[in-house]
Amino acid sequence: MGQHMRCIGTGRGRTASGYITESARYKARRCEICPLCGSCFKALGNSII
């Protein structure tokens, strides 16, 4: 149930204490047809996490 998320990129950052972090961004393809849309995502458009 729900939508498959695809990776749209990665990023690197640095915390205040100096650690390097790496994160990936994922995007849903069509949130409007998902039965879970109302409970998981409140903005317009497709979810990016």
C-alpha atoms as a PDB file:
ATOM      1  CA  MET A   1       0.000   0.000   0.000  1.00  0.00           C
ATOM      2  CA  GLY A   2       1.196   3.556  -0.574  1.00  0.00           C
ATOM      3  CA  GLN A   3       3.567   4.854  -3.227  1.00  0.00           C
ATOM      4  CA  HIS A   4       7.053   3.714  -4.106  1.00  0.00           C
ATOM      5  CA  MET A   5       9.658   6.400  -3.508  1.00  0.00           C
ATOM      6  CA  ARG A   6      12.558   6.932  -5.908  1.00  0.00           C
ATOM      7  CA  CYS A   7      15.886   8.493  -4.982  1.00  0.00           C
ATOM      8  CA  ILE A   8      16.303  11.952  -6.542  1.00  0.00           C
ATOM      9  CA  GLY A   9      19.712  12.773  -5.096  1.00  0.00           C
ATOM     10  CA  THR A  10      22.047  12.788  -2.141  1.00  0.00           C
ATOM     11  CA  GLY A  11      23.639  15.554  -0.156  1.00  0.00           C
ATOM     12  CA  ARG A  12      26.377  16.087   2.379  1.00  0.00           C
ATOM     13  CA  GLY A  13      26.467  18.392   5.331  1.00  0.00           C
ATOM     14  CA  ARG A  14      28.338  19.058   8.540  1.00  0.00           C
ATOM     15  CA  THR A  15      26.884  19.177  12.031  1.00  0.00           C
ATOM     16  CA  ALA A  16      27.706  21.893  14.557  1.00  0.00           C
ATOM     17  CA  SER A  17      30.096  19.474  16.267  1.00  0.00           C
ATOM     18  CA  GLY A  18      31.972  18.761  13.015  1.00  0.00           C
ATOM     19  CA  TYR A  19      30.557  15.401  11.964  1.00  0.00           C
ATOM     20  CA  ILE A  20      29.918  14.918   8.249  1.00  0.00           C
ATOM     21  CA  THR A  21      26.420  13.712   7.384  1.00  0.00           C
ATOM     22  CA  GLU A  22      25.112  12.238   4.163  1.00  0.00           C
ATOM     23  CA  SER A  23      21.421  12.123   3.330  1.00  0.00           C
ATOM     24  CA  ALA A  24      19.334  10.885   0.420  1.00  0.00           C
ATOM     25  CA  ARG A  25      16.184  12.576  -0.922  1.00  0.00           C
ATOM     26  CA  TYR A  26      13.277  10.455  -2.103  1.00  0.00           C
ATOM     27  CA  LYS A  27      10.224  11.560  -4.030  1.00  0.00           C
ATOM     28  CA  ALA A  28       6.828   9.926  -4.536  1.00  0.00           C
ATOM     29  CA  ARG A  29       5.517   9.767  -8.086  1.00  0.00           C
ATOM     30  CA  ARG A  30       1.795  10.391  -7.620  1.00  0.00           C
ATOM     31  CA  CYS A  31       0.669  11.275  -4.093  1.00  0.00           C
ATOM     32  CA  GLU A  32      -2.822  12.295  -5.239  1.00  0.00           C
ATOM     33  CA  ILE A  33      -3.839   8.674  -5.979  1.00  0.00           C
ATOM     34  CA  CYS A  34      -2.389   7.220  -2.767  1.00  0.00           C
ATOM     35  CA  PRO A  35      -4.923   6.149  -0.098  1.00  0.00           C
ATOM     36  CA  LEU A  36      -2.472   7.225   2.637  1.00  0.00           C
ATOM     37  CA  CYS A  37      -1.899  10.732   1.259  1.00  0.00           C
ATOM     38  CA  GLY A  38      -4.009  12.561   3.854  1.00  0.00           C
ATOM     39  CA  SER A  39      -2.249  10.969   6.820  1.00  0.00           C
ATOM     40  CA  CYS A  40       1.300  11.200   5.494  1.00  0.00           C
ATOM     41  CA  PHE A  41       1.540  14.427   3.504  1.00  0.00           C
ATOM     42  CA  LYS A  42      -0.278  17.741   3.894  1.00  0.00           C
ATOM     43  CA  ALA A  43       1.225  20.020   1.182  1.00  0.00           C
ATOM     44  CA  LEU A  44       0.321  20.300  -2.494  1.00  0.00           C
ATOM     45  CA  GLY A  45       2.313  18.265  -5.016  1.00  0.00           C
ATOM     46  CA  ASN A  46       4.337  15.100  -4.500  1.00  0.00           C
ATOM     47  CA  SER A  47       6.077  14.259  -1.241  1.00  0.00           C
ATOM     48  CA  ILE A  48       9.860  14.674  -1.012  1.00  0.00           C
ATOM     49  CA  ILE A  49      11.576  13.231   2.055  1.00  0.00           C
END
